[in-house]
Amino acid sequence: MKMDETVDVCDCVHKHDHIQKKVIPDETTLYGLADLFKVFGDPTRIRILYALSAGELCVCDIASVLNMTQSAISHQLRVLKQIKLVKFRREGKTVYYSLADSHVETILSQGLEHVQE
């Protein structure tokens, strides 16, 4: 920290047990939420989610849209499946991917709105 920066400090201790019990989720939930946000920390995964927001796509279509290799897309899709942001269905030998639910679009939309403010 630079010497000219000030730090906010407080001399008194307040009781806020109601915040801990009612507002802050339990540790397991917090770690799950942190993992979810880590997934959004990669621009490639966000690009994949945006591509899937247009509709269901197979790996080769996503790779074509994003100008990437199918291998790179498959790797990122595995991560997105693990955190339950995308779902898939098999039709013969082809696997089609889509957003898991409307929450994913909401997260993308609200995140974009926040960074554009």
PDB file of N, CA and C in Angstrom:
ATOM      1  N   MET A   1       0.842  -1.185   0.000  1.00  0.00           N
ATOM      2  CA  MET A   1       0.000   0.000   0.000  1.00  0.00           C
ATOM      3  C   MET A   1       0.881   1.240   0.000  1.00  0.00           C
ATOM      4  N   LYS A   2       0.463   2.199  -0.764  1.00  0.00           N
ATOM      5  CA  LYS A   2       1.200   3.457  -0.814  1.00  0.00           C
ATOM      6  C   LYS A   2       0.998   4.219   0.488  1.00  0.00           C
ATOM      7  N   MET A   3       1.975   5.032   0.834  1.00  0.00           N
ATOM      8  CA  MET A   3       1.929   5.787   2.089  1.00  0.00           C
ATOM      9  C   MET A   3       0.820   6.833   2.089  1.00  0.00           C
ATOM     10  N   ASP A   4       0.413   7.343   0.927  1.00  0.00           N
ATOM     11  CA  ASP A   4      -0.586   8.407   0.899  1.00  0.00           C
ATOM     12  C   ASP A   4      -2.022   7.861   0.880  1.00  0.00           C
ATOM     13  N   GLU A   5      -2.182   6.526   0.815  1.00  0.00           N
ATOM     14  CA  GLU A   5      -3.518   5.939   0.838  1.00  0.00           C
ATOM     15  C   GLU A   5      -4.013   5.824   2.275  1.00  0.00           C
ATOM     16  N   THR A   6      -5.280   6.127   2.477  1.00  0.00           N
ATOM     17  CA  THR A   6      -5.841   5.997   3.814  1.00  0.00           C
ATOM     18  C   THR A   6      -6.613   4.690   3.906  1.00  0.00           C
ATOM     19  N   VAL A   7      -6.687   4.164   5.096  1.00  0.00           N
ATOM     20  CA  VAL A   7      -7.405   2.927   5.356  1.00  0.00           C
ATOM     21  C   VAL A   7      -8.539   3.238   6.315  1.00  0.00           C
ATOM     22  N   ASP A   8      -9.742   2.796   5.969  1.00  0.00           N
ATOM     23  CA  ASP A   8     -10.878   2.999   6.862  1.00  0.00           C
ATOM     24  C   ASP A   8     -10.789   2.021   8.026  1.00  0.00           C
ATOM     25  N   VAL A   9     -10.841   2.556   9.229  1.00  0.00           N
ATOM     26  CA  VAL A   9     -10.824   1.721  10.428  1.00  0.00           C
ATOM     27  C   VAL A   9     -11.948   2.166  11.354  1.00  0.00           C
ATOM     28  N   CYS A  10     -12.329   1.252  12.221  1.00  0.00           N
ATOM     29  CA  CYS A  10     -13.404   1.527  13.170  1.00  0.00           C
ATOM     30  C   CYS A  10     -12.949   1.058  14.544  1.00  0.00           C
ATOM     31  N   ASP A  11     -13.175   1.879  15.560  1.00  0.00           N
ATOM     32  CA  ASP A  11     -12.736   1.555  16.914  1.00  0.00           C
ATOM     33  C   ASP A  11     -13.757   0.746  17.704  1.00  0.00           C
ATOM     34  N   CYS A  12     -14.989   0.725  17.264  1.00  0.00           N
ATOM     35  CA  CYS A  12     -16.014   0.046  18.054  1.00  0.00           C
ATOM     36  C   CYS A  12     -16.444  -1.257  17.384  1.00  0.00           C
ATOM     37  N   VAL A  13     -16.944  -2.176  18.204  1.00  0.00           N
ATOM     38  CA  VAL A  13     -17.416  -3.464  17.707  1.00  0.00           C
ATOM     39  C   VAL A  13     -18.935  -3.472  17.803  1.00  0.00           C
ATOM     40  N   HIS A  14     -19.582  -3.770  16.698  1.00  0.00           N
ATOM     41  CA  HIS A  14     -21.041  -3.811  16.655  1.00  0.00           C
ATOM     42  C   HIS A  14     -21.500  -5.263  16.556  1.00  0.00           C
ATOM     43  N   LYS A  15     -22.661  -5.544  17.066  1.00  0.00           N
ATOM     44  CA  LYS A  15     -23.231  -6.885  16.966  1.00  0.00           C
ATOM     45  C   LYS A  15     -24.025  -6.975  15.680  1.00  0.00           C
ATOM     46  N   HIS A  16     -23.657  -7.930  14.827  1.00  0.00           N
ATOM     47  CA  HIS A  16     -24.354  -8.120  13.558  1.00  0.00           C
ATOM     48  C   HIS A  16     -24.601  -9.604  13.306  1.00  0.00           C
ATOM     49  N   ASP A  17     -24.964 -10.338  14.338  1.00  0.00           N
ATOM     50  CA  ASP A  17     -25.204 -11.773  14.203  1.00  0.00           C
ATOM     51  C   ASP A  17     -26.283 -12.070  13.167  1.00  0.00           C
ATOM     52  N   HIS A  18     -27.279 -11.183  13.045  1.00  0.00           N
ATOM     53  CA  HIS A  18     -28.366 -11.410  12.102  1.00  0.00           C
ATOM     54  C   HIS A  18     -27.871 -11.429  10.654  1.00  0.00           C
ATOM     55  N   ILE A  19     -26.807 -10.692  10.368  1.00  0.00           N
ATOM     56  CA  ILE A  19     -26.252 -10.680   9.017  1.00  0.00           C
ATOM     57  C   ILE A  19     -25.606 -12.029   8.722  1.00  0.00           C
ATOM     58  N   GLN A  20     -24.803 -12.503   9.624  1.00  0.00           N
ATOM     59  CA  GLN A  20     -24.120 -13.787   9.437  1.00  0.00           C
ATOM     60  C   GLN A  20     -25.121 -14.915   9.234  1.00  0.00           C
ATOM     61  N   LYS A  21     -26.188 -14.925   9.989  1.00  0.00           N
ATOM     62  CA  LYS A  21     -27.137 -16.035   9.949  1.00  0.00           C
ATOM     63  C   LYS A  21     -28.126 -15.938   8.798  1.00  0.00           C
ATOM     64  N   LYS A  22     -28.530 -14.742   8.403  1.00  0.00           N
ATOM     65  CA  LYS A  22     -29.588 -14.604   7.402  1.00  0.00           C
ATOM     66  C   LYS A  22     -29.104 -14.203   6.018  1.00  0.00           C
ATOM     67  N   VAL A  23     -27.991 -13.527   5.904  1.00  0.00           N
ATOM     68  CA  VAL A  23     -27.573 -12.973   4.623  1.00  0.00           C
ATOM     69  C   VAL A  23     -26.456 -13.790   3.975  1.00  0.00           C
ATOM     70  N   ILE A  24     -25.479 -14.212   4.732  1.00  0.00           N
ATOM     71  CA  ILE A  24     -24.306 -14.892   4.176  1.00  0.00           C
ATOM     72  C   ILE A  24     -24.576 -16.393   4.089  1.00  0.00           C
ATOM     73  N   PRO A  25     -24.504 -16.954   2.870  1.00  0.00           N
ATOM     74  CA  PRO A  25     -24.740 -18.402   2.705  1.00  0.00           C
ATOM     75  C   PRO A  25     -23.688 -19.236   3.433  1.00  0.00           C
ATOM     76  N   ASP A  26     -23.985 -20.517   3.603  1.00  0.00           N
ATOM     77  CA  ASP A  26     -23.046 -21.418   4.268  1.00  0.00           C
ATOM     78  C   ASP A  26     -21.797 -21.612   3.394  1.00  0.00           C
ATOM     79  N   GLU A  27     -20.745 -22.141   3.985  1.00  0.00           N
ATOM     80  CA  GLU A  27     -19.448 -22.280   3.320  1.00  0.00           C
ATOM     81  C   GLU A  27     -19.523 -23.096   2.033  1.00  0.00           C
ATOM     82  N   THR A  28     -20.249 -24.207   2.051  1.00  0.00           N
ATOM     83  CA  THR A  28     -20.365 -25.055   0.856  1.00  0.00           C
ATOM     84  C   THR A  28     -20.980 -24.274  -0.298  1.00  0.00           C
ATOM     85  N   THR A  29     -22.022 -23.530  -0.011  1.00  0.00           N
ATOM     86  CA  THR A  29     -22.678 -22.719  -1.029  1.00  0.00           C
ATOM     87  C   THR A  29     -21.744 -21.628  -1.535  1.00  0.00           C
ATOM     88  N   LEU A  30     -20.999 -20.999  -0.641  1.00  0.00           N
ATOM     89  CA  LEU A  30     -20.058 -19.949  -1.039  1.00  0.00           C
ATOM     90  C   LEU A  30     -18.980 -20.482  -1.976  1.00  0.00           C
ATOM     91  N   TYR A  31     -18.461 -21.676  -1.677  1.00  0.00           N
ATOM     92  CA  TYR A  31     -17.441 -22.261  -2.549  1.00  0.00           C
ATOM     93  C   TYR A  31     -18.028 -22.600  -3.918  1.00  0.00           C
ATOM     94  N   GLY A  32     -19.264 -23.088  -3.946  1.00  0.00           N
ATOM     95  CA  GLY A  32     -19.930 -23.357  -5.223  1.00  0.00           C
ATOM     96  C   GLY A  32     -20.116 -22.090  -6.038  1.00  0.00           C
ATOM     97  N   LEU A  33     -20.509 -21.019  -5.370  1.00  0.00           N
ATOM     98  CA  LEU A  33     -20.689 -19.732  -6.046  1.00  0.00           C
ATOM     99  C   LEU A  33     -19.357 -19.194  -6.567  1.00  0.00           C
ATOM    100  N   ALA A  34     -18.314 -19.328  -5.765  1.00  0.00           N
ATOM    101  CA  ALA A  34     -16.981 -18.889  -6.197  1.00  0.00           C
ATOM    102  C   ALA A  34     -16.535 -19.681  -7.427  1.00  0.00           C
ATOM    103  N   ASP A  35     -16.787 -20.993  -7.439  1.00  0.00           N
ATOM    104  CA  ASP A  35     -16.443 -21.819  -8.598  1.00  0.00           C
ATOM    105  C   ASP A  35     -17.215 -21.380  -9.834  1.00  0.00           C
ATOM    106  N   LEU A  36     -18.487 -21.047  -9.658  1.00  0.00           N
ATOM    107  CA  LEU A  36     -19.296 -20.565 -10.771  1.00  0.00           C
ATOM    108  C   LEU A  36     -18.685 -19.308 -11.371  1.00  0.00           C
ATOM    109  N   PHE A  37     -18.323 -18.356 -10.528  1.00  0.00           N
ATOM    110  CA  PHE A  37     -17.748 -17.108 -11.029  1.00  0.00           C
ATOM    111  C   PHE A  37     -16.368 -17.312 -11.637  1.00  0.00           C
ATOM    112  N   LYS A  38     -15.613 -18.298 -11.169  1.00  0.00           N
ATOM    113  CA  LYS A  38     -14.314 -18.596 -11.792  1.00  0.00           C
ATOM    114  C   LYS A  38     -14.502 -19.005 -13.248  1.00  0.00           C
ATOM    115  N   VAL A  39     -15.552 -19.765 -13.507  1.00  0.00           N
ATOM    116  CA  VAL A  39     -15.826 -20.215 -14.874  1.00  0.00           C
ATOM    117  C   VAL A  39     -16.067 -19.015 -15.782  1.00  0.00           C
ATOM    118  N   PHE A  40     -16.710 -17.984 -15.259  1.00  0.00           N
ATOM    119  CA  PHE A  40     -16.964 -16.776 -16.037  1.00  0.00           C
ATOM    120  C   PHE A  40     -15.701 -15.924 -16.196  1.00  0.00           C
ATOM    121  N   GLY A  41     -14.613 -16.335 -15.585  1.00  0.00           N
ATOM    122  CA  GLY A  41     -13.357 -15.594 -15.681  1.00  0.00           C
ATOM    123  C   GLY A  41     -12.578 -15.868 -16.955  1.00  0.00           C
ATOM    124  N   ASP A  42     -13.108 -16.714 -17.835  1.00  0.00           N
ATOM    125  CA  ASP A  42     -12.414 -17.051 -19.067  1.00  0.00           C
ATOM    126  C   ASP A  42     -13.203 -16.538 -20.271  1.00  0.00           C
ATOM    127  N   PRO A  43     -12.614 -15.648 -21.082  1.00  0.00           N
ATOM    128  CA  PRO A  43     -13.334 -15.070 -22.227  1.00  0.00           C
ATOM    129  C   PRO A  43     -13.820 -16.113 -23.242  1.00  0.00           C
ATOM    130  N   THR A  44     -13.057 -17.183 -23.424  1.00  0.00           N
ATOM    131  CA  THR A  44     -13.482 -18.221 -24.370  1.00  0.00           C
ATOM    132  C   THR A  44     -14.780 -18.872 -23.909  1.00  0.00           C
ATOM    133  N   ARG A  45     -14.871 -19.179 -22.634  1.00  0.00           N
ATOM    134  CA  ARG A  45     -16.103 -19.797 -22.120  1.00  0.00           C
ATOM    135  C   ARG A  45     -17.282 -18.826 -22.254  1.00  0.00           C
ATOM    136  N   ILE A  46     -17.040 -17.554 -22.026  1.00  0.00           N
ATOM    137  CA  ILE A  46     -18.117 -16.573 -22.181  1.00  0.00           C
ATOM    138  C   ILE A  46     -18.548 -16.498 -23.646  1.00  0.00           C
ATOM    139  N   ARG A  47     -17.600 -16.542 -24.555  1.00  0.00           N
ATOM    140  CA  ARG A  47     -17.938 -16.529 -25.984  1.00  0.00           C
ATOM    141  C   ARG A  47     -18.783 -17.751 -26.352  1.00  0.00           C
ATOM    142  N   ILE A  48     -18.428 -18.907 -25.802  1.00  0.00           N
ATOM    143  CA  ILE A  48     -19.203 -20.127 -26.053  1.00  0.00           C
ATOM    144  C   ILE A  48     -20.625 -19.960 -25.536  1.00  0.00           C
ATOM    145  N   LEU A  49     -20.760 -19.408 -24.334  1.00  0.00           N
ATOM    146  CA  LEU A  49     -22.097 -19.204 -23.761  1.00  0.00           C
ATOM    147  C   LEU A  49     -22.915 -18.248 -24.616  1.00  0.00           C
ATOM    148  N   TYR A  50     -22.288 -17.195 -25.111  1.00  0.00           N
ATOM    149  CA  TYR A  50     -23.005 -16.269 -25.992  1.00  0.00           C
ATOM    150  C   TYR A  50     -23.434 -16.966 -27.282  1.00  0.00           C
ATOM    151  N   ALA A  51     -22.555 -17.788 -27.852  1.00  0.00           N
ATOM    152  CA  ALA A  51     -22.913 -18.524 -29.070  1.00  0.00           C
ATOM    153  C   ALA A  51     -24.113 -19.427 -28.795  1.00  0.00           C
ATOM    154  N   LEU A  52     -24.104 -20.095 -27.649  1.00  0.00           N
ATOM    155  CA  LEU A  52     -25.210 -20.996 -27.302  1.00  0.00           C
ATOM    156  C   LEU A  52     -26.483 -20.237 -26.944  1.00  0.00           C
ATOM    157  N   SER A  53     -26.358 -18.970 -26.601  1.00  0.00           N
ATOM    158  CA  SER A  53     -27.559 -18.191 -26.297  1.00  0.00           C
ATOM    159  C   SER A  53     -28.405 -17.983 -27.553  1.00  0.00           C
ATOM    160  N   ALA A  54     -27.791 -18.166 -28.732  1.00  0.00           N
ATOM    161  CA  ALA A  54     -28.527 -18.056 -30.000  1.00  0.00           C
ATOM    162  C   ALA A  54     -29.285 -19.340 -30.303  1.00  0.00           C
ATOM    163  N   GLY A  55     -28.915 -20.429 -29.634  1.00  0.00           N
ATOM    164  CA  GLY A  55     -29.594 -21.699 -29.862  1.00  0.00           C
ATOM    165  C   GLY A  55     -28.642 -22.874 -29.752  1.00  0.00           C
ATOM    166  N   GLU A  56     -29.190 -24.029 -29.899  1.00  0.00           N
ATOM    167  CA  GLU A  56     -28.464 -25.286 -29.773  1.00  0.00           C
ATOM    168  C   GLU A  56     -27.433 -25.437 -30.898  1.00  0.00           C
ATOM    169  N   LEU A  57     -26.210 -25.856 -30.534  1.00  0.00           N
ATOM    170  CA  LEU A  57     -25.133 -26.018 -31.507  1.00  0.00           C
ATOM    171  C   LEU A  57     -24.307 -27.264 -31.185  1.00  0.00           C
ATOM    172  N   CYS A  58     -23.721 -27.862 -32.211  1.00  0.00           N
ATOM    173  CA  CYS A  58     -22.775 -28.952 -31.987  1.00  0.00           C
ATOM    174  C   CYS A  58     -21.365 -28.355 -31.881  1.00  0.00           C
ATOM    175  N   VAL A  59     -20.405 -29.171 -31.484  1.00  0.00           N
ATOM    176  CA  VAL A  59     -19.034 -28.695 -31.279  1.00  0.00           C
ATOM    177  C   VAL A  59     -18.469 -28.079 -32.555  1.00  0.00           C
ATOM    178  N   CYS A  60     -18.708 -28.724 -33.696  1.00  0.00           N
ATOM    179  CA  CYS A  60     -18.119 -28.187 -34.938  1.00  0.00           C
ATOM    180  C   CYS A  60     -18.732 -26.834 -35.300  1.00  0.00           C
ATOM    181  N   ASP A  61     -20.008 -26.639 -34.992  1.00  0.00           N
ATOM    182  CA  ASP A  61     -20.633 -25.335 -35.260  1.00  0.00           C
ATOM    183  C   ASP A  61     -20.069 -24.249 -34.348  1.00  0.00           C
ATOM    184  N   ILE A  62     -19.903 -24.581 -33.071  1.00  0.00           N
ATOM    185  CA  ILE A  62     -19.335 -23.612 -32.124  1.00  0.00           C
ATOM    186  C   ILE A  62     -17.916 -23.253 -32.556  1.00  0.00           C
ATOM    187  N   ALA A  63     -17.132 -24.263 -32.924  1.00  0.00           N
ATOM    188  CA  ALA A  63     -15.752 -24.035 -33.366  1.00  0.00           C
ATOM    189  C   ALA A  63     -15.726 -23.125 -34.586  1.00  0.00           C
ATOM    190  N   SER A  64     -16.654 -23.338 -35.499  1.00  0.00           N
ATOM    191  CA  SER A  64     -16.716 -22.515 -36.703  1.00  0.00           C
ATOM    192  C   SER A  64     -17.095 -21.070 -36.375  1.00  0.00           C
ATOM    193  N   VAL A  65     -18.103 -20.899 -35.546  1.00  0.00           N
ATOM    194  CA  VAL A  65     -18.566 -19.561 -35.166  1.00  0.00           C
ATOM    195  C   VAL A  65     -17.463 -18.780 -34.453  1.00  0.00           C
ATOM    196  N   LEU A  66     -16.722 -19.462 -33.585  1.00  0.00           N
ATOM    197  CA  LEU A  66     -15.697 -18.779 -32.786  1.00  0.00           C
ATOM    198  C   LEU A  66     -14.304 -18.845 -33.407  1.00  0.00           C
ATOM    199  N   ASN A  67     -14.195 -19.501 -34.572  1.00  0.00           N
ATOM    200  CA  ASN A  67     -12.917 -19.633 -35.259  1.00  0.00           C
ATOM    201  C   ASN A  67     -11.863 -20.264 -34.351  1.00  0.00           C
ATOM    202  N   MET A  68     -12.230 -21.401 -33.774  1.00  0.00           N
ATOM    203  CA  MET A  68     -11.356 -22.137 -32.871  1.00  0.00           C
ATOM    204  C   MET A  68     -11.375 -23.610 -33.255  1.00  0.00           C
ATOM    205  N   THR A  69     -10.475 -24.392 -32.661  1.00  0.00           N
ATOM    206  CA  THR A  69     -10.458 -25.827 -32.939  1.00  0.00           C
ATOM    207  C   THR A  69     -11.552 -26.532 -32.139  1.00  0.00           C
ATOM    208  N   GLN A  70     -12.007 -27.662 -32.674  1.00  0.00           N
ATOM    209  CA  GLN A  70     -13.013 -28.447 -31.963  1.00  0.00           C
ATOM    210  C   GLN A  70     -12.470 -28.952 -30.634  1.00  0.00           C
ATOM    211  N   SER A  71     -11.181 -29.246 -30.602  1.00  0.00           N
ATOM    212  CA  SER A  71     -10.546 -29.720 -29.372  1.00  0.00           C
ATOM    213  C   SER A  71     -10.612 -28.654 -28.276  1.00  0.00           C
ATOM    214  N   ALA A  72     -10.311 -27.423 -28.632  1.00  0.00           N
ATOM    215  CA  ALA A  72     -10.358 -26.324 -27.657  1.00  0.00           C
ATOM    216  C   ALA A  72     -11.785 -26.102 -27.159  1.00  0.00           C
ATOM    217  N   ILE A  73     -12.750 -26.187 -28.063  1.00  0.00           N
ATOM    218  CA  ILE A  73     -14.157 -26.021 -27.682  1.00  0.00           C
ATOM    219  C   ILE A  73     -14.589 -27.148 -26.763  1.00  0.00           C
ATOM    220  N   SER A  74     -14.240 -28.376 -27.112  1.00  0.00           N
ATOM    221  CA  SER A  74     -14.610 -29.534 -26.294  1.00  0.00           C
ATOM    222  C   SER A  74     -14.076 -29.409 -24.870  1.00  0.00           C
ATOM    223  N   HIS A  75     -12.838 -28.949 -24.767  1.00  0.00           N
ATOM    224  CA  HIS A  75     -12.230 -28.770 -23.441  1.00  0.00           C
ATOM    225  C   HIS A  75     -13.043 -27.778 -22.603  1.00  0.00           C
ATOM    226  N   GLN A  76     -13.412 -26.659 -23.204  1.00  0.00           N
ATOM    227  CA  GLN A  76     -14.175 -25.636 -22.473  1.00  0.00           C
ATOM    228  C   GLN A  76     -15.602 -26.103 -22.180  1.00  0.00           C
ATOM    229  N   LEU A  77     -16.190 -26.863 -23.089  1.00  0.00           N
ATOM    230  CA  LEU A  77     -17.541 -27.392 -22.854  1.00  0.00           C
ATOM    231  C   LEU A  77     -17.559 -28.336 -21.655  1.00  0.00           C
ATOM    232  N   ARG A  78     -16.484 -29.104 -21.477  1.00  0.00           N
ATOM    233  CA  ARG A  78     -16.395 -29.987 -20.305  1.00  0.00           C
ATOM    234  C   ARG A  78     -16.493 -29.181 -19.018  1.00  0.00           C
ATOM    235  N   VAL A  79     -15.780 -28.070 -18.969  1.00  0.00           N
ATOM    236  CA  VAL A  79     -15.810 -27.197 -17.791  1.00  0.00           C
ATOM    237  C   VAL A  79     -17.224 -26.637 -17.595  1.00  0.00           C
ATOM    238  N   LEU A  80     -17.836 -26.181 -18.669  1.00  0.00           N
ATOM    239  CA  LEU A  80     -19.180 -25.596 -18.589  1.00  0.00           C
ATOM    240  C   LEU A  80     -20.224 -26.633 -18.185  1.00  0.00           C
ATOM    241  N   LYS A  81     -20.043 -27.881 -18.611  1.00  0.00           N
ATOM    242  CA  LYS A  81     -20.963 -28.949 -18.204  1.00  0.00           C
ATOM    243  C   LYS A  81     -20.803 -29.257 -16.717  1.00  0.00           C
ATOM    244  N   GLN A  82     -19.554 -29.310 -16.258  1.00  0.00           N
ATOM    245  CA  GLN A  82     -19.289 -29.641 -14.852  1.00  0.00           C
ATOM    246  C   GLN A  82     -19.959 -28.654 -13.902  1.00  0.00           C
ATOM    247  N   ILE A  83     -19.997 -27.394 -14.263  1.00  0.00           N
ATOM    248  CA  ILE A  83     -20.571 -26.360 -13.401  1.00  0.00           C
ATOM    249  C   ILE A  83     -22.054 -26.157 -13.725  1.00  0.00           C
ATOM    250  N   LYS A  84     -22.574 -26.969 -14.646  1.00  0.00           N
ATOM    251  CA  LYS A  84     -24.003 -26.990 -15.007  1.00  0.00           C
ATOM    252  C   LYS A  84     -24.490 -25.708 -15.677  1.00  0.00           C
ATOM    253  N   LEU A  85     -23.619 -25.128 -16.515  1.00  0.00           N
ATOM    254  CA  LEU A  85     -24.027 -23.957 -17.285  1.00  0.00           C
ATOM    255  C   LEU A  85     -24.539 -24.349 -18.664  1.00  0.00           C
ATOM    256  N   VAL A  86     -24.120 -25.523 -19.139  1.00  0.00           N
ATOM    257  CA  VAL A  86     -24.625 -26.033 -20.418  1.00  0.00           C
ATOM    258  C   VAL A  86     -25.141 -27.448 -20.220  1.00  0.00           C
ATOM    259  N   LYS A  87     -26.053 -27.814 -21.111  1.00  0.00           N
ATOM    260  CA  LYS A  87     -26.559 -29.184 -21.133  1.00  0.00           C
ATOM    261  C   LYS A  87     -26.355 -29.711 -22.547  1.00  0.00           C
ATOM    262  N   PHE A  88     -26.534 -31.011 -22.727  1.00  0.00           N
ATOM    263  CA  PHE A  88     -26.326 -31.593 -24.045  1.00  0.00           C
ATOM    264  C   PHE A  88     -27.338 -32.698 -24.300  1.00  0.00           C
ATOM    265  N   ARG A  89     -27.510 -32.974 -25.575  1.00  0.00           N
ATOM    266  CA  ARG A  89     -28.324 -34.114 -25.989  1.00  0.00           C
ATOM    267  C   ARG A  89     -27.630 -34.768 -27.177  1.00  0.00           C
ATOM    268  N   ARG A  90     -27.781 -36.056 -27.263  1.00  0.00           N
ATOM    269  CA  ARG A  90     -27.137 -36.820 -28.326  1.00  0.00           C
ATOM    270  C   ARG A  90     -28.176 -37.183 -29.378  1.00  0.00           C
ATOM    271  N   GLU A  91     -27.803 -36.965 -30.639  1.00  0.00           N
ATOM    272  CA  GLU A  91     -28.651 -37.362 -31.762  1.00  0.00           C
ATOM    273  C   GLU A  91     -27.766 -38.155 -32.712  1.00  0.00           C
ATOM    274  N   GLY A  92     -27.849 -39.465 -32.632  1.00  0.00           N
ATOM    275  CA  GLY A  92     -26.918 -40.317 -33.383  1.00  0.00           C
ATOM    276  C   GLY A  92     -25.518 -40.127 -32.845  1.00  0.00           C
ATOM    277  N   LYS A  93     -24.593 -39.769 -33.727  1.00  0.00           N
ATOM    278  CA  LYS A  93     -23.206 -39.548 -33.305  1.00  0.00           C
ATOM    279  C   LYS A  93     -22.937 -38.092 -32.931  1.00  0.00           C
ATOM    280  N   THR A  94     -23.905 -37.244 -33.182  1.00  0.00           N
ATOM    281  CA  THR A  94     -23.715 -35.807 -32.938  1.00  0.00           C
ATOM    282  C   THR A  94     -24.253 -35.423 -31.563  1.00  0.00           C
ATOM    283  N   VAL A  95     -23.478 -34.598 -30.856  1.00  0.00           N
ATOM    284  CA  VAL A  95     -23.899 -34.078 -29.554  1.00  0.00           C
ATOM    285  C   VAL A  95     -24.200 -32.592 -29.722  1.00  0.00           C
ATOM    286  N   TYR A  96     -25.383 -32.195 -29.283  1.00  0.00           N
ATOM    287  CA  TYR A  96     -25.806 -30.799 -29.371  1.00  0.00           C
ATOM    288  C   TYR A  96     -25.789 -30.184 -27.980  1.00  0.00           C
ATOM    289  N   TYR A  97     -25.269 -28.965 -27.900  1.00  0.00           N
ATOM    290  CA  TYR A  97     -25.151 -28.253 -26.630  1.00  0.00           C
ATOM    291  C   TYR A  97     -26.086 -27.057 -26.619  1.00  0.00           C
ATOM    292  N   SER A  98     -26.558 -26.726 -25.414  1.00  0.00           N
ATOM    293  CA  SER A  98     -27.392 -25.537 -25.231  1.00  0.00           C
ATOM    294  C   SER A  98     -27.172 -25.024 -23.816  1.00  0.00           C
ATOM    295  N   LEU A  99     -27.646 -23.812 -23.562  1.00  0.00           N
ATOM    296  CA  LEU A  99     -27.550 -23.272 -22.208  1.00  0.00           C
ATOM    297  C   LEU A  99     -28.406 -24.118 -21.286  1.00  0.00           C
ATOM    298  N   ALA A 100     -27.952 -24.298 -20.064  1.00  0.00           N
ATOM    299  CA  ALA A 100     -28.645 -25.168 -19.119  1.00  0.00           C
ATOM    300  C   ALA A 100     -30.029 -24.644 -18.755  1.00  0.00           C
ATOM    301  N   ASP A 101     -30.146 -23.333 -18.592  1.00  0.00           N
ATOM    302  CA  ASP A 101     -31.437 -22.738 -18.251  1.00  0.00           C
ATOM    303  C   ASP A 101     -31.378 -21.226 -18.439  1.00  0.00           C
ATOM    304  N   SER A 102     -32.484 -20.571 -18.148  1.00  0.00           N
ATOM    305  CA  SER A 102     -32.556 -19.118 -18.366  1.00  0.00           C
ATOM    306  C   SER A 102     -31.652 -18.331 -17.419  1.00  0.00           C
ATOM    307  N   HIS A 103     -31.234 -18.938 -16.307  1.00  0.00           N
ATOM    308  CA  HIS A 103     -30.338 -18.240 -15.376  1.00  0.00           C
ATOM    309  C   HIS A 103     -29.020 -17.867 -16.042  1.00  0.00           C
ATOM    310  N   VAL A 104     -28.546 -18.716 -16.937  1.00  0.00           N
ATOM    311  CA  VAL A 104     -27.263 -18.460 -17.588  1.00  0.00           C
ATOM    312  C   VAL A 104     -27.352 -17.192 -18.431  1.00  0.00           C
ATOM    313  N   GLU A 105     -28.429 -17.050 -19.194  1.00  0.00           N
ATOM    314  CA  GLU A 105     -28.617 -15.825 -19.980  1.00  0.00           C
ATOM    315  C   GLU A 105     -28.752 -14.607 -19.075  1.00  0.00           C
ATOM    316  N   THR A 106     -29.419 -14.773 -17.950  1.00  0.00           N
ATOM    317  CA  THR A 106     -29.584 -13.672 -17.001  1.00  0.00           C
ATOM    318  C   THR A 106     -28.232 -13.227 -16.452  1.00  0.00           C
ATOM    319  N   ILE A 107     -27.390 -14.185 -16.094  1.00  0.00           N
ATOM    320  CA  ILE A 107     -26.054 -13.866 -15.567  1.00  0.00           C
ATOM    321  C   ILE A 107     -25.251 -13.109 -16.620  1.00  0.00           C
ATOM    322  N   LEU A 108     -25.277 -13.600 -17.866  1.00  0.00           N
ATOM    323  CA  LEU A 108     -24.556 -12.925 -18.953  1.00  0.00           C
ATOM    324  C   LEU A 108     -25.091 -11.518 -19.169  1.00  0.00           C
ATOM    325  N   SER A 109     -26.396 -11.403 -19.211  1.00  0.00           N
ATOM    326  CA  SER A 109     -27.027 -10.110 -19.466  1.00  0.00           C
ATOM    327  C   SER A 109     -26.721  -9.102 -18.363  1.00  0.00           C
ATOM    328  N   GLN A 110     -26.858  -9.531 -17.118  1.00  0.00           N
ATOM    329  CA  GLN A 110     -26.607  -8.612 -16.008  1.00  0.00           C
ATOM    330  C   GLN A 110     -25.121  -8.277 -15.886  1.00  0.00           C
ATOM    331  N   GLY A 111     -24.264  -9.244 -16.170  1.00  0.00           N
ATOM    332  CA  GLY A 111     -22.823  -8.966 -16.135  1.00  0.00           C
ATOM    333  C   GLY A 111     -22.440  -7.948 -17.196  1.00  0.00           C
ATOM    334  N   LEU A 112     -22.979  -8.116 -18.403  1.00  0.00           N
ATOM    335  CA  LEU A 112     -22.696  -7.176 -19.481  1.00  0.00           C
ATOM    336  C   LEU A 112     -23.219  -5.784 -19.139  1.00  0.00           C
ATOM    337  N   GLU A 113     -24.426  -5.733 -18.608  1.00  0.00           N
ATOM    338  CA  GLU A 113     -24.993  -4.451 -18.211  1.00  0.00           C
ATOM    339  C   GLU A 113     -24.117  -3.767 -17.158  1.00  0.00           C
ATOM    340  N   HIS A 114     -23.601  -4.542 -16.232  1.00  0.00           N
ATOM    341  CA  HIS A 114     -22.767  -3.972 -15.165  1.00  0.00           C
ATOM    342  C   HIS A 114     -21.466  -3.395 -15.736  1.00  0.00           C
ATOM    343  N   VAL A 115     -20.802  -4.117 -16.642  1.00  0.00           N
ATOM    344  CA  VAL A 115     -19.533  -3.617 -17.149  1.00  0.00           C
ATOM    345  C   VAL A 115     -19.716  -2.475 -18.134  1.00  0.00           C
ATOM    346  N   GLN A 116     -20.899  -2.323 -18.706  1.00  0.00           N
ATOM    347  CA  GLN A 116     -21.148  -1.228 -19.648  1.00  0.00           C
ATOM    348  C   GLN A 116     -21.656   0.046 -18.974  1.00  0.00           C
ATOM    349  N   GLU A 117     -21.856   0.013 -17.667  1.00  0.00           N
ATOM    350  CA  GLU A 117     -22.333   1.210 -16.957  1.00  0.00           C
ATOM    351  C   GLU A 117     -21.254   2.261 -16.899  1.00  0.00           C
TER     352      GLU A 117
END
